[in-house]
Protein backbone atom coordinates (compact mmCIF):
# COMPACT_ATOMS: atom_id res chain seq x y z
CA MET A 1 0.00 0.00 0.00
CA ALA A 2 1.32 3.49 -0.90
CA GLU A 3 -0.76 6.61 -0.41
CA VAL A 4 1.07 9.89 -1.01
CA ILE A 5 -0.29 12.94 0.83
CA LEU A 6 0.76 16.51 0.07
CA GLU A 7 -0.37 19.05 2.66
CA HIS A 8 0.22 22.75 1.92
CA ILE A 9 3.46 22.04 0.05
CA SER A 10 5.46 25.11 -1.03
CA LYS A 11 8.87 25.67 -2.57
CA THR A 12 10.53 29.07 -2.24
CA TYR A 13 13.79 29.98 -3.95
CA SER A 14 15.61 32.69 -1.97
CA ASP A 15 17.13 35.64 -3.81
CA GLU A 16 19.73 36.82 -1.31
CA LYS A 17 22.04 38.46 -3.87
CA MET A 18 19.26 40.69 -5.20
CA LYS A 19 17.95 41.29 -1.64
CA ARG A 20 14.44 40.48 -2.76
CA PRO A 21 11.82 38.16 -1.28
CA GLY A 22 12.09 34.62 -2.60
CA SER A 23 9.89 33.49 -5.49
CA LYS A 24 7.53 30.57 -5.01
CA ALA A 25 7.93 27.79 -7.55
CA ILE A 26 5.25 25.77 -5.72
CA ASP A 27 2.56 27.65 -3.84
CA ASP A 28 0.53 25.88 -1.12
CA ILE A 29 -0.42 22.68 -2.96
CA SER A 30 -2.47 19.98 -1.25
CA PHE A 31 -3.80 16.71 -2.66
CA THR A 32 -3.69 12.96 -2.08
CA VAL A 33 -2.49 10.29 -4.50
CA HIS A 34 -4.42 7.15 -3.60
CA ASP A 35 -2.93 3.69 -3.36
CA LYS A 36 -2.42 2.10 -6.81
CA GLU A 37 -3.57 5.30 -8.53
CA PHE A 38 -2.01 6.66 -11.73
CA MET A 39 -1.88 10.39 -11.02
CA VAL A 40 -0.76 12.77 -13.77
CA ILE A 41 0.56 16.28 -13.07
CA VAL A 42 0.22 18.47 -16.16
CA GLY A 43 0.83 22.10 -17.03
CA PRO A 44 2.82 24.42 -19.29
CA SER A 45 6.60 24.81 -19.12
CA GLY A 46 7.69 26.56 -15.94
CA CYS A 47 4.50 25.79 -14.00
CA GLY A 48 6.40 23.86 -11.28
CA LYS A 49 5.35 20.30 -12.11
CA SER A 50 8.90 18.84 -12.28
CA THR A 51 9.88 20.77 -9.15
CA LEU A 52 6.92 19.22 -7.33
CA LEU A 53 7.92 15.73 -8.50
CA ARG A 54 11.52 16.28 -7.38
CA MET A 55 10.25 17.37 -3.96
CA ILE A 56 8.34 14.08 -3.67
CA ALA A 57 11.51 12.22 -4.70
CA GLY A 58 13.64 14.11 -2.17
CA LEU A 59 15.78 15.82 -4.82
CA GLU A 60 14.41 19.26 -3.88
CA GLU A 61 13.96 20.56 -0.35
CA ILE A 62 10.42 21.32 0.81
CA SER A 63 10.18 24.92 2.05
CA ASP A 64 6.79 24.55 3.76
CA GLY A 65 4.19 21.86 4.25
CA THR A 66 4.13 18.14 4.94
CA LEU A 67 4.80 15.23 2.58
CA SER A 68 3.69 11.80 3.78
CA ILE A 69 3.61 8.25 2.46
CA ASN A 70 1.16 5.99 4.30
CA ASP A 71 0.77 8.64 7.02
CA LYS A 72 4.53 8.72 7.66
CA LYS A 73 6.14 12.15 7.24
CA ILE A 74 9.10 11.92 4.85
CA ASN A 75 10.14 15.58 4.49
CA ASP A 76 13.56 14.96 6.02
CA LEU A 77 14.24 11.48 4.62
CA SER A 78 16.99 11.13 2.01
CA PRO A 79 15.94 10.01 -1.49
CA ARG A 80 17.28 6.48 -0.98
CA ASP A 81 15.25 6.04 2.22
CA ARG A 82 11.90 7.01 0.68
CA ASP A 83 11.42 3.74 -1.25
CA ILE A 84 10.68 5.67 -4.44
CA SER A 85 11.93 5.10 -7.99
CA MET A 86 12.13 7.80 -10.64
CA VAL A 87 12.25 7.63 -14.44
CA PHE A 88 13.84 10.65 -16.07
CA GLN A 89 13.39 12.30 -19.46
CA ASN A 90 16.96 11.48 -20.58
CA TYR A 91 16.87 7.73 -19.71
CA ALA A 92 19.94 8.00 -17.36
CA LEU A 93 21.34 4.59 -18.36
CA TYR A 94 24.94 3.54 -17.81
CA PRO A 95 26.37 3.48 -21.37
CA HIS A 96 29.19 1.01 -20.59
CA MET A 97 26.81 -1.58 -19.12
CA THR A 98 24.56 -4.06 -20.91
CA VAL A 99 20.80 -3.92 -20.46
CA TYR A 100 21.10 -6.83 -18.01
CA ASP A 101 23.64 -4.97 -15.88
CA ASN A 102 21.64 -1.73 -15.99
CA LEU A 103 18.60 -3.59 -14.68
CA ALA A 104 20.63 -5.47 -12.08
CA PHE A 105 22.61 -2.49 -10.79
CA GLY A 106 20.19 -1.39 -8.06
CA LEU A 107 19.69 -4.96 -6.82
CA ARG A 108 23.45 -5.47 -6.52
CA LEU A 109 23.73 -2.32 -4.40
CA ARG A 110 21.18 -3.89 -2.07
CA HIS A 111 23.18 -7.13 -1.94
CA PHE A 112 20.63 -9.42 -3.60
CA SER A 113 21.93 -12.89 -4.43
CA LYS A 114 22.97 -13.64 -8.04
CA SER A 115 20.10 -16.09 -8.47
CA GLU A 116 17.53 -13.57 -7.19
CA ILE A 117 18.98 -10.84 -9.41
CA LYS A 118 18.78 -13.08 -12.48
CA LYS A 119 15.21 -14.07 -11.66
CA GLN A 120 14.04 -10.47 -11.24
CA VAL A 121 15.92 -9.18 -14.30
CA ILE A 122 14.36 -11.84 -16.52
CA GLN A 123 10.87 -11.25 -15.09
CA THR A 124 11.19 -7.49 -15.61
CA ALA A 125 12.59 -7.92 -19.15
CA GLN A 126 9.67 -10.20 -20.06
CA LEU A 127 7.16 -7.74 -18.61
CA LEU A 128 8.63 -4.94 -20.78
CA GLU A 129 9.30 -7.22 -23.78
CA ILE A 130 13.05 -6.51 -23.87
CA GLU A 131 14.32 -10.00 -23.01
CA GLU A 132 16.05 -10.26 -26.40
CA GLU A 133 17.99 -7.05 -25.72
CA LEU A 134 19.51 -8.08 -22.36
CA TYR A 135 23.10 -8.32 -23.61
CA ARG A 136 23.11 -5.23 -25.79
CA LYS A 137 24.42 -1.83 -24.69
CA PRO A 138 22.22 1.30 -24.64
CA LYS A 139 23.85 2.91 -27.69
CA THR A 140 22.63 0.02 -29.87
CA LEU A 141 19.00 0.40 -28.75
CA SER A 142 16.21 2.53 -30.18
CA GLY A 143 14.72 5.36 -28.14
CA GLY A 144 11.72 3.24 -27.19
CA GLN A 145 13.91 0.35 -26.08
CA ARG A 146 16.08 2.67 -23.96
CA GLN A 147 13.00 4.06 -22.28
CA ARG A 148 11.79 0.53 -21.50
CA VAL A 149 15.14 -0.21 -19.89
CA ALA A 150 14.90 2.98 -17.82
CA ILE A 151 11.40 2.00 -16.70
CA GLY A 152 12.59 -1.54 -16.00
CA ARG A 153 15.41 -0.27 -13.77
CA ALA A 154 12.82 1.71 -11.80
CA ILE A 155 10.28 -1.11 -11.33
CA ILE A 156 12.63 -4.05 -10.76
CA ARG A 157 12.81 -3.62 -6.99
CA ARG A 158 9.09 -2.83 -6.63
CA PRO A 159 9.27 0.44 -4.65
CA LYS A 160 6.24 2.00 -2.96
CA VAL A 161 5.90 4.82 -5.50
CA PHE A 162 7.00 5.35 -9.11
CA LEU A 163 7.74 8.85 -10.38
CA PHE A 164 7.93 9.69 -14.10
CA ASP A 165 9.38 13.03 -15.25
CA GLU A 166 8.27 13.53 -18.89
CA PRO A 167 9.68 10.10 -19.88
CA LEU A 168 8.27 10.09 -23.43
CA SER A 169 9.18 13.61 -24.56
CA ASN A 170 12.26 12.45 -26.52
CA LEU A 171 10.30 9.92 -28.57
CA ASP A 172 8.56 10.48 -31.91
CA ALA A 173 4.77 10.73 -32.05
CA LYS A 174 4.15 7.11 -33.11
CA LEU A 175 6.43 5.71 -30.43
CA ARG A 176 4.92 7.97 -27.76
CA SER A 177 1.49 6.60 -28.61
CA GLN A 178 2.78 3.04 -28.36
CA MET A 179 4.54 3.72 -25.05
CA ARG A 180 1.38 5.25 -23.57
CA ILE A 181 -0.40 1.94 -24.16
CA GLU A 182 2.54 0.07 -22.62
CA LEU A 183 2.50 2.28 -19.52
CA GLN A 184 -1.25 1.69 -19.07
CA LYS A 185 -0.67 -2.06 -19.32
CA LEU A 186 2.30 -1.88 -16.93
CA HIS A 187 0.24 -0.01 -14.34
CA ARG A 188 -2.50 -2.63 -14.49
CA GLU A 189 -0.02 -5.50 -14.15
CA ILE A 190 2.14 -4.25 -11.28
CA LYS A 191 -0.70 -2.41 -9.48
CA ALA A 192 1.58 0.34 -8.21
CA THR A 193 1.14 3.98 -7.20
CA MET A 194 2.43 6.14 -10.05
CA ILE A 195 2.89 9.91 -10.36
CA TYR A 196 3.56 11.09 -13.88
CA VAL A 197 4.61 14.59 -14.98
CA THR A 198 4.02 15.85 -18.53
CA HIS A 199 3.27 19.01 -20.47
CA ASP A 200 1.41 16.93 -23.08
CA GLN A 201 -2.34 16.97 -22.42
CA THR A 202 -2.84 13.90 -24.65
CA GLU A 203 -0.59 11.88 -22.33
CA ALA A 204 -2.41 13.29 -19.33
CA MET A 205 -5.89 12.50 -20.66
CA THR A 206 -5.01 8.96 -21.79
CA LEU A 207 -2.89 7.87 -18.81
CA GLY A 208 -4.28 9.49 -15.69
CA ASN A 209 -6.92 8.11 -13.35
CA ARG A 210 -6.94 11.71 -12.16
CA ILE A 211 -5.10 14.79 -13.38
CA ALA A 212 -3.68 17.69 -11.38
CA VAL A 213 -3.45 20.83 -13.53
CA LEU A 214 -0.77 23.31 -12.44
CA ASN A 215 -0.11 26.89 -13.50
CA LYS A 216 2.49 29.27 -12.04
CA GLY A 217 3.09 26.97 -9.10
CA LYS A 218 -0.59 26.73 -8.11
CA LEU A 219 -3.01 23.83 -8.37
CA MET A 220 -5.76 24.94 -10.74
CA GLN A 221 -7.92 21.80 -10.59
CA LEU A 222 -7.69 18.12 -9.71
CA ASP A 223 -10.21 15.80 -11.30
CA THR A 224 -10.80 12.88 -13.66
CA PRO A 225 -9.98 13.45 -17.35
CA LEU A 226 -13.61 13.67 -18.49
CA HIS A 227 -14.64 16.06 -15.72
CA LEU A 228 -11.68 18.31 -16.48
CA TYR A 229 -12.78 18.42 -20.11
CA ASN A 230 -16.49 18.89 -19.49
CA SER A 231 -16.45 20.85 -16.23
CA PRO A 232 -13.29 22.99 -15.99
CA ALA A 233 -12.99 25.17 -12.89
CA ASN A 234 -11.58 28.21 -14.68
CA LYS A 235 -10.51 29.62 -18.03
CA PHE A 236 -6.95 28.31 -17.73
CA VAL A 237 -8.04 24.69 -17.33
CA ALA A 238 -10.68 25.07 -20.06
CA GLY A 239 -8.10 26.43 -22.50
CA PHE A 240 -5.30 24.04 -21.57
CA ILE A 241 -7.30 20.81 -21.72
CA GLY A 242 -8.59 19.96 -25.19
CA SER A 243 -7.15 20.09 -28.69
CA PRO A 244 -8.01 22.18 -30.64
CA THR A 245 -8.37 24.59 -27.76
CA MET A 246 -11.71 25.89 -26.54
CA ASN A 247 -13.16 28.96 -28.29
CA PHE A 248 -13.47 32.00 -26.02
CA LEU A 249 -15.68 35.01 -26.76
CA ASN A 250 -16.31 38.20 -24.78
CA GLY A 251 -19.75 39.76 -24.76
CA THR A 252 -22.96 40.23 -22.82
CA ILE A 253 -26.20 38.38 -22.16
CA GLN A 254 -29.22 40.25 -23.49
CA ASN A 255 -32.94 39.62 -23.41
CA LYS A 256 -34.47 40.13 -26.86
CA ASN A 257 -37.74 38.15 -26.79
CA GLY A 258 -35.58 35.39 -25.38
CA TYR A 259 -32.03 35.31 -24.06
CA TYR A 260 -28.94 35.69 -26.23
CA PHE A 261 -25.20 35.86 -25.72
CA VAL A 262 -24.12 38.78 -27.93
CA HIS A 263 -20.51 39.11 -29.06
CA GLU A 264 -18.84 42.37 -27.94
CA ALA A 265 -18.40 43.48 -31.58
CA ASN A 266 -21.90 42.24 -32.43
CA LEU A 267 -20.47 39.86 -35.06
CA CYS A 268 -22.43 36.89 -33.76
CA SER A 269 -24.95 35.98 -31.08
CA PHE A 270 -25.96 32.63 -29.65
CA ASN A 271 -29.58 31.90 -28.76
CA LEU A 272 -29.77 30.71 -25.15
CA GLY A 273 -33.51 30.00 -25.19
CA ARG A 274 -36.57 31.39 -23.42
CA GLU A 275 -35.13 30.85 -19.95
CA ILE A 276 -31.64 30.83 -18.42
CA PRO A 277 -30.29 29.83 -14.98
CA ILE A 278 -30.78 32.35 -12.17
CA SER A 279 -27.01 32.80 -11.75
CA LEU A 280 -26.77 34.07 -15.35
CA LYS A 281 -29.62 36.54 -14.96
CA SER A 282 -27.44 38.58 -12.60
CA TYR A 283 -25.05 39.09 -15.54
CA LEU A 284 -27.67 40.64 -17.84
CA GLY A 285 -26.02 43.55 -19.64
CA LYS A 286 -22.70 42.92 -17.88
CA LYS A 287 -19.51 41.75 -19.58
CA LEU A 288 -18.66 38.08 -19.32
CA MET A 289 -16.84 35.42 -21.34
CA ILE A 290 -18.10 32.17 -22.81
CA GLY A 291 -16.21 29.07 -23.85
CA VAL A 292 -17.39 26.67 -26.55
CA ARG A 293 -15.61 23.48 -27.63
CA PRO A 294 -14.92 23.23 -31.40
CA GLU A 295 -17.21 20.20 -31.69
CA HIS A 296 -20.14 22.19 -30.28
CA ILE A 297 -20.27 24.75 -33.12
CA PHE A 298 -21.97 23.65 -36.35
CA ILE A 299 -21.73 25.00 -39.90
CA ASN A 300 -24.70 24.89 -42.25
CA GLU A 301 -23.34 24.01 -45.69
CA GLU A 302 -26.68 24.55 -47.48
CA GLU A 303 -29.09 27.32 -46.57
CA ASP A 304 -32.28 26.00 -45.02
CA ILE A 305 -34.90 28.69 -44.43
CA THR A 306 -36.87 26.36 -42.17
CA LYS A 307 -34.07 26.29 -39.60
CA ALA A 308 -32.94 29.03 -37.24
CA TYR A 309 -29.19 29.68 -37.09
CA ASP A 310 -27.32 31.87 -34.63
CA CYS A 311 -25.33 33.99 -37.08
CA LYS A 312 -23.22 34.07 -40.24
CA LEU A 313 -19.42 34.07 -40.23
CA GLU A 314 -16.78 33.92 -42.94
CA ILE A 315 -14.61 30.81 -43.43
CA VAL A 316 -10.97 31.96 -43.43
CA ALA A 317 -9.09 28.62 -43.41
CA PHE A 318 -9.42 24.90 -42.85
CA GLU A 319 -7.26 21.90 -41.99
CA ASN A 320 -7.99 18.37 -43.16
CA MET A 321 -6.78 15.81 -40.61
CA GLY A 322 -8.03 12.70 -42.41
CA ASN A 323 -10.74 11.58 -40.00
CA GLU A 324 -11.81 15.13 -39.12
CA GLN A 325 -11.60 18.71 -40.33
CA PHE A 326 -10.89 21.95 -38.48
CA VAL A 327 -12.60 25.01 -39.95
CA TYR A 328 -11.63 28.55 -38.93
CA LEU A 329 -14.32 31.25 -38.92
CA SER A 330 -13.60 34.96 -38.62
CA ALA A 331 -15.05 36.69 -35.55
CA GLY A 332 -13.37 40.07 -35.75
CA THR A 333 -9.87 40.01 -34.28
CA GLN A 334 -10.08 36.28 -33.50
CA ASN A 335 -11.05 33.04 -35.16
CA LEU A 336 -13.55 30.42 -34.03
CA ILE A 337 -12.47 26.81 -34.57
CA VAL A 338 -15.04 24.22 -35.63
CA ARG A 339 -14.35 20.48 -35.52
CA ARG A 340 -16.42 18.40 -37.89
CA LEU A 341 -16.33 15.44 -40.27
CA PRO A 342 -14.11 16.12 -43.31
CA LEU A 343 -15.52 17.54 -46.54
CA GLU A 344 -13.71 17.50 -49.88
CA ILE A 345 -14.61 21.10 -50.66
CA THR A 346 -14.66 23.85 -48.06
CA GLU A 347 -15.23 27.29 -49.54
CA VAL A 348 -12.77 29.76 -48.01
CA GLY A 349 -14.11 33.33 -48.15
CA LYS A 350 -17.77 32.26 -48.04
CA ARG A 351 -20.05 33.34 -45.19
CA LYS A 352 -21.84 30.41 -43.63
CA SER A 353 -24.68 30.10 -41.16
CA ILE A 354 -23.56 28.63 -37.85
CA SER A 355 -25.29 27.39 -34.74
CA CYS A 356 -24.07 26.56 -31.28
CA ALA A 357 -25.07 23.85 -28.82
CA SER A 358 -26.14 26.37 -26.16
CA GLU A 359 -26.38 23.71 -23.45
CA LYS A 360 -22.63 23.09 -23.88
CA ILE A 361 -21.59 26.71 -23.38
CA ILE A 362 -19.38 27.37 -20.34
CA TYR A 363 -19.59 30.84 -18.77
CA PHE A 364 -16.64 32.63 -17.17
CA ASN A 365 -16.29 35.67 -14.97
CA GLU A 366 -14.35 38.06 -17.21
CA ILE A 367 -12.35 39.53 -14.31
CA ASN A 368 -11.01 36.43 -12.51
CA GLY A 369 -11.56 33.75 -15.16
CA MET A 370 -13.52 31.48 -12.82
CA VAL A 371 -16.45 29.43 -14.12
CA ILE A 372 -19.92 30.78 -13.37
CA ASN A 373 -21.85 27.84 -11.94
CA VAL A 374 -25.09 27.53 -13.91
CA LYS A 375 -26.22 24.11 -12.75
CA ASP A 376 -26.17 22.03 -9.60
CA GLU A 377 -23.31 19.59 -10.05
CA THR A 378 -22.74 18.82 -6.38
CA LEU A 379 -23.59 15.13 -6.63
CA GLY A 380 -21.54 14.60 -9.79
CA LEU A 381 -18.52 16.38 -8.30
CA LEU A 382 -18.61 14.29 -5.14
CA GLU A 383 -18.79 11.10 -7.16
CA SER A 384 -15.84 12.09 -9.35
CA GLY A 385 -13.56 13.08 -6.49
CA TYR A 386 -13.46 16.67 -7.76
CA GLN A 387 -11.15 19.19 -6.18
CA GLY A 388 -11.05 22.80 -7.22
CA ILE A 389 -8.14 25.16 -6.63
CA ASN A 390 -5.90 23.71 -3.90
CA GLY A 391 -8.35 20.94 -3.08
């Protein structure tokens, strides 16, 4: 059993030479990684995710807060005494050793017998499907094989917790996809607690049981992948999770024989229906922001006078991705992105009628970027294990 608990963890770098207060790389973060959970920490470069992982590993000192594993405080324990293994971005293999010796190295330091070492090396190699590479040296291996060896060296002694610091970032796209599947399978087979850091939201969404989203050293939201996508806590999470990114528009809610969201430049308006939630009525005539996923905006290719559409916008570009198409519509100084099934001919320069799935619109306070709650999600949030900012 290995439950990792972070309570009000902070990391401050002092700036004595400049005689300025220290800057916080990690700012009061609290959450729990449950036993056997695959937790992913995601965020843009410089958000503090690798620093947080290194603090868990014992490679960075904790300035404030308490770090515990199974209710035992480990703040002052050395890295070797924490029973944690870490896989780095750059593999960190010994180039002069064979794969076998790289895998066996940690067991030899712990004075395992030769027979036990051989048994565990072979079992680990079979698990990672590198048994045929045991007597090759790292320079003769592909990137994917080297990463498997690095993972194997971490798992061979079965520590309490596995830490991964962007382990797939050096691999090409096809190999990254393959390794994501392998990591999922590995987690199921060894049933271990894993904490995985990445800047790649695709990795986060496909690997994590839950995802912690960081920005500027702060925890923005902690939730399951689907709840992060469908119910973001703020504009940052909404814009970071999802590709293509969410469309954001500034404007006001107006009542014109029914309620409408009207774009600030009056280039488009979305019909919200005859009635809106009470929390939105307080924003009538006031500035706010909406977010709409690209798959929730629809283009009418042929005019149909029997149907009501929200507005007309000009197509300025499109991208064919094979199984889907991204269409860019001009909305003044910004473009709206639409995701749809691919069409052979998309007429750039033409104005097209569009409609929006109004029930999928997410509303944001324009000042602080927080989501305006328009429906009672209390039950759903409790079931999902939702945590907002800092838990």
